Amino acid sequence: MAVSSYVGEEIITNIIIKQGEKTLEKEYFPRSVFNDPEGKSAYIIGNGESRKDFDLYSLPQDTYGCNALYRDYEPDFLVVIDRKMYQEVVEQEYDQKNTVYTNHLNMSRHGGTPHLIPKNPHYGAGSSCMHIAVMDGHTDLTCIGFDCAEDGPNNNIYKDTNAYNKSDVIVHQTVWAKQIYDFMLSYPSVTFRFVEGTLPEKFFNLANCTAISYAQLTDRVNTQNDKTI
C-alpha cells in the first residue's frame, strides 16, 4: 500500500456561547506528514517495563513512539497526548527537528511545530500511535512495551519523572487495553503483533492479533534488514 488518501480535515477549534447561541470556530488542517508504508511494517513502541532490555535502535522504519520515549530514543514519529509531556517536548525543542503528533488543545496552549493527529480518536498515546500508523496505510503492526492487562502500581519506564505518576500510584491501565481491543476489532484486516508484555487474554482470541517473543522479534527484524541490503 502506498501513501494513504488522507488529505486533511476541518476541526472545531473553539466554541463560543453568547446570549444563548452557540458559535463554532473551525480551522482546516491540511495533511502535513506524507509517510509511504510500502514494504514496511510499523513498530508501535509503548513505555511498559517489559521492553526495558530491548535495543530499540535495532528496529527499522517505521517506528511510532509514545510521550517520553524521545528522552532515550528518537522514533520516526512521536505521539504526545499528555499536556505536561507536550510542554516538555516543546521546551526541549524536540519538535523542531523531529516529527511530533499531538492534539489541537496542546498546540493552542504551548505552540511548537507539531502535526495534528489525523481524525483524532482521542485515545491514549499507545492507541493513538496505532491509529496514526493505520492512517498512514500500514496493515502490519508490531507492538512493543504494552503492559495493560490489569490495574495496579504504575508500570512505566518513566514513572517518577516529569509528567508521570509515582511508582506506587495505582494506574487504570485496563482503560488503554479496552481502547486497543476496540481498535483491533475496528480493523480486522490489520495484523497486530504484540511482543511479550502483560496483556488481556481476550486480545489473542481475535483472528488479527498474535503474540511473539523478543527472540522472534529479533529474527523478524534481521530478516527485514537483510531484504533491504
Protein backbone atom coordinates (compact mmCIF):
# COMPACT_ATOMS: atom_id res chain seq x y z
CA MET A 1 0.00 0.00 0.00
CA ALA A 2 1.29 3.45 -0.88
CA VAL A 3 0.64 6.77 0.82
CA SER A 4 -2.92 6.82 2.19
CA SER A 5 -5.60 9.05 0.68
CA TYR A 6 -6.00 11.25 3.77
CA VAL A 7 -5.64 14.92 2.69
CA GLY A 8 -6.53 16.85 5.85
CA GLU A 9 -9.59 17.85 7.83
CA GLU A 10 -11.57 20.68 9.34
CA ILE A 11 -11.80 20.65 13.13
CA ILE A 12 -13.62 22.70 15.75
CA THR A 13 -11.02 24.91 17.42
CA ASN A 14 -13.30 26.90 19.74
CA ILE A 15 -16.89 27.02 20.97
CA ILE A 16 -18.38 30.42 21.79
CA ILE A 17 -21.71 30.72 23.61
CA LYS A 18 -23.14 34.24 23.60
CA GLN A 19 -26.68 35.23 24.51
CA GLY A 20 -27.75 31.60 24.41
CA GLU A 21 -26.38 31.00 20.91
CA LYS A 22 -23.52 28.67 20.14
CA THR A 23 -20.90 29.54 17.55
CA LEU A 24 -18.34 27.02 16.38
CA GLU A 25 -14.99 28.29 15.22
CA LYS A 26 -13.36 25.93 12.74
CA GLU A 27 -10.00 25.62 11.04
CA TYR A 28 -8.80 23.44 8.19
CA PHE A 29 -5.59 21.47 8.75
CA PRO A 30 -4.10 20.03 5.56
CA ARG A 31 -2.14 16.81 5.78
CA SER A 32 1.41 17.65 6.81
CA VAL A 33 3.13 14.25 7.03
CA PHE A 34 3.41 12.05 3.96
CA ASN A 35 4.73 8.67 5.03
CA ASP A 36 4.85 5.85 2.48
CA PRO A 37 4.38 2.47 4.22
CA GLU A 38 5.17 0.43 1.10
CA GLY A 39 7.10 -2.71 2.06
CA LYS A 40 7.40 -1.74 5.73
CA SER A 41 5.92 -2.94 9.00
CA ALA A 42 5.01 -0.38 11.63
CA TYR A 43 6.64 -0.70 15.06
CA ILE A 44 4.50 0.74 17.86
CA ILE A 45 6.56 1.48 20.96
CA GLY A 46 4.82 1.76 24.32
CA ASN A 47 6.60 2.53 27.57
CA GLY A 48 5.73 -0.52 29.63
CA GLU A 49 8.61 -2.00 31.58
CA SER A 50 8.53 -5.22 29.54
CA ARG A 51 10.61 -3.52 26.82
CA LYS A 52 13.37 -2.14 29.07
CA ASP A 53 16.06 -4.61 27.93
CA PHE A 54 15.34 -4.44 24.20
CA ASP A 55 17.54 -2.34 21.91
CA LEU A 56 15.09 -0.06 20.09
CA TYR A 57 17.83 1.14 17.75
CA SER A 58 17.80 -2.32 16.16
CA LEU A 59 14.36 -1.58 14.70
CA PRO A 60 13.96 -0.49 11.08
CA GLN A 61 11.49 2.17 9.93
CA ASP A 62 8.65 2.93 10.64
CA THR A 63 8.64 3.47 14.40
CA TYR A 64 5.81 5.22 16.26
CA GLY A 65 6.57 6.06 19.89
CA CYS A 66 4.79 7.43 22.95
CA ASN A 67 5.42 10.53 25.03
CA ALA A 68 8.74 10.49 26.94
CA LEU A 69 10.26 7.85 24.68
CA TYR A 70 12.13 10.69 22.96
CA ARG A 71 14.37 11.04 26.03
CA ASP A 72 16.11 7.76 25.16
CA TYR A 73 15.27 7.06 21.52
CA GLU A 74 14.13 9.06 18.51
CA PRO A 75 11.23 7.28 16.82
CA ASP A 76 10.29 8.23 13.29
CA PHE A 77 7.05 9.59 14.73
CA LEU A 78 6.49 10.68 18.33
CA VAL A 79 2.92 10.89 19.63
CA VAL A 80 2.33 13.11 22.65
CA ILE A 81 -1.05 13.31 24.37
CA ASP A 82 -0.31 14.49 27.91
CA ARG A 83 -0.23 18.30 28.29
CA LYS A 84 2.79 18.41 30.61
CA MET A 85 4.65 15.98 28.41
CA TYR A 86 3.97 18.04 25.32
CA GLN A 87 5.16 21.18 27.11
CA GLU A 88 8.41 19.38 27.91
CA VAL A 89 8.85 18.32 24.28
CA VAL A 90 8.41 21.91 23.09
CA GLU A 91 10.75 23.30 25.75
CA GLN A 92 13.41 20.80 24.67
CA GLU A 93 12.79 21.88 21.04
CA TYR A 94 12.49 18.24 20.05
CA ASP A 95 9.66 19.12 17.69
CA GLN A 96 11.94 21.47 15.75
CA LYS A 97 13.85 18.62 14.12
CA ASN A 98 11.54 15.64 14.57
CA THR A 99 8.00 14.64 13.64
CA VAL A 100 5.69 15.07 16.64
CA TYR A 101 1.94 14.44 16.62
CA THR A 102 -0.41 15.93 19.20
CA ASN A 103 -3.93 17.28 19.62
CA HIS A 104 -5.14 20.81 18.88
CA LEU A 105 -5.53 21.73 22.56
CA ASN A 106 -1.82 21.13 23.19
CA MET A 107 -0.94 23.03 20.03
CA SER A 108 -3.00 26.06 21.05
CA ARG A 109 -1.66 26.12 24.62
CA HIS A 110 2.03 25.51 24.01
CA GLY A 111 2.72 26.24 20.36
CA GLY A 112 5.62 24.40 18.84
CA THR A 113 5.73 22.85 15.38
CA PRO A 114 3.72 19.65 15.77
CA HIS A 115 1.42 17.81 13.38
CA LEU A 116 -2.26 17.29 14.13
CA ILE A 117 -3.30 13.72 14.94
CA PRO A 118 -5.39 12.84 11.87
CA LYS A 119 -9.04 12.05 12.58
CA ASN A 120 -8.18 12.12 16.28
CA PRO A 121 -9.97 9.28 18.12
CA HIS A 122 -8.97 10.83 21.48
CA TYR A 123 -7.11 7.74 22.66
CA GLY A 124 -4.09 7.38 24.89
CA ALA A 125 -0.66 7.66 23.28
CA GLY A 126 -0.21 3.96 22.52
CA SER A 127 -3.58 3.53 20.83
CA SER A 128 -3.05 6.85 19.02
CA CYS A 129 0.25 5.53 17.63
CA MET A 130 -1.61 2.53 16.23
CA HIS A 131 -4.29 4.79 14.80
CA ILE A 132 -1.76 7.04 13.04
CA ALA A 133 0.12 4.04 11.63
CA VAL A 134 -3.12 2.70 10.14
CA MET A 135 -3.99 6.17 8.84
CA ASP A 136 -0.59 6.15 7.13
CA GLY A 137 -1.61 2.95 5.38
CA HIS A 138 0.19 0.31 7.45
CA THR A 139 -1.53 -3.07 7.69
CA ASP A 140 1.10 -4.87 9.80
CA LEU A 141 1.78 -3.53 13.31
CA THR A 142 4.33 -4.91 15.79
CA CYS A 143 3.64 -3.55 19.28
CA ILE A 144 6.38 -3.36 21.91
CA GLY A 145 6.20 -2.36 25.57
CA PHE A 146 2.48 -2.78 26.18
CA ASP A 147 1.64 -3.81 29.76
CA CYS A 148 -2.05 -3.20 30.36
CA ALA A 149 -3.63 -6.47 31.46
CA GLU A 150 -4.72 -5.15 34.85
CA ASP A 151 -4.92 -2.06 37.02
CA GLY A 152 -2.12 -1.72 39.54
CA PRO A 153 1.09 0.10 40.52
CA ASN A 154 2.49 2.23 37.74
CA ASN A 155 4.10 0.02 35.10
CA ASN A 156 6.04 2.55 33.06
CA ILE A 157 9.71 3.05 32.31
CA TYR A 158 9.36 6.80 33.03
CA LYS A 159 7.49 6.60 36.34
CA ASP A 160 8.64 9.09 38.99
CA THR A 161 9.69 11.61 36.31
CA ASN A 162 8.10 14.76 34.92
CA ALA A 163 4.51 14.26 33.70
CA TYR A 164 4.33 10.68 35.00
CA ASN A 165 2.77 9.11 38.08
CA LYS A 166 4.79 7.93 41.06
CA SER A 167 5.78 4.27 41.34
CA ASP A 168 3.16 3.44 43.97
CA VAL A 169 0.21 5.14 42.25
CA ILE A 170 -2.50 2.75 41.08
CA VAL A 171 -2.93 3.30 37.35
CA HIS A 172 -6.04 2.25 35.42
CA GLN A 173 -4.11 0.57 32.64
CA THR A 174 -7.10 -1.50 31.56
CA VAL A 175 -8.59 1.68 30.05
CA TRP A 176 -5.82 1.56 27.45
CA ALA A 177 -6.40 -2.16 26.95
CA LYS A 178 -10.05 -1.53 26.11
CA GLN A 179 -9.07 1.17 23.59
CA ILE A 180 -6.63 -1.19 21.90
CA TYR A 181 -9.11 -4.07 21.86
CA ASP A 182 -11.86 -1.92 20.32
CA PHE A 183 -9.37 -0.57 17.78
CA MET A 184 -8.33 -4.07 16.71
CA LEU A 185 -11.98 -5.01 16.32
CA SER A 186 -12.44 -2.00 14.03
CA TYR A 187 -9.59 -3.08 11.72
CA PRO A 188 -9.91 -6.85 11.16
CA SER A 189 -7.68 -6.67 8.05
CA VAL A 190 -4.77 -5.18 10.03
CA THR A 191 -2.35 -7.57 11.78
CA PHE A 192 -1.46 -6.70 15.38
CA ARG A 193 1.59 -8.49 16.77
CA PHE A 194 2.39 -7.96 20.48
CA VAL A 195 5.89 -8.67 21.77
CA GLU A 196 5.62 -10.28 25.22
CA GLY A 197 4.34 -7.73 27.78
CA THR A 198 1.32 -8.23 30.02
CA LEU A 199 -1.89 -8.18 28.02
CA PRO A 200 -5.51 -9.33 28.38
CA GLU A 201 -6.07 -12.89 27.14
CA LYS A 202 -9.04 -11.74 25.07
CA PHE A 203 -6.66 -9.89 22.74
CA PHE A 204 -5.47 -13.21 21.37
CA ASN A 205 -8.96 -14.51 20.72
CA LEU A 206 -9.06 -12.08 17.80
CA ALA A 207 -8.01 -13.51 14.45
CA ASN A 208 -5.86 -10.46 13.68
CA CYS A 209 -3.87 -10.49 16.95
CA THR A 210 -0.87 -12.67 17.80
CA ALA A 211 1.93 -12.80 20.39
CA ILE A 212 5.65 -13.24 19.78
CA SER A 213 8.79 -13.26 21.91
CA TYR A 214 11.66 -10.78 21.77
CA ALA A 215 13.80 -13.53 20.21
CA GLN A 216 11.21 -13.87 17.44
CA LEU A 217 11.13 -10.10 17.02
CA THR A 218 14.90 -10.04 16.59
CA ASP A 219 14.65 -12.73 13.91
CA ARG A 220 11.95 -10.76 12.10
CA VAL A 221 13.98 -7.56 12.23
CA ASN A 222 17.12 -9.30 10.98
CA THR A 223 15.18 -10.85 8.10
CA GLN A 224 13.67 -7.48 7.17
CA ASN A 225 17.07 -5.79 7.34
CA ASP A 226 18.59 -8.49 5.11
CA LYS A 227 15.96 -7.78 2.46
CA THR A 228 16.90 -4.09 2.34
CA ILE A 229 20.64 -4.59 1.94
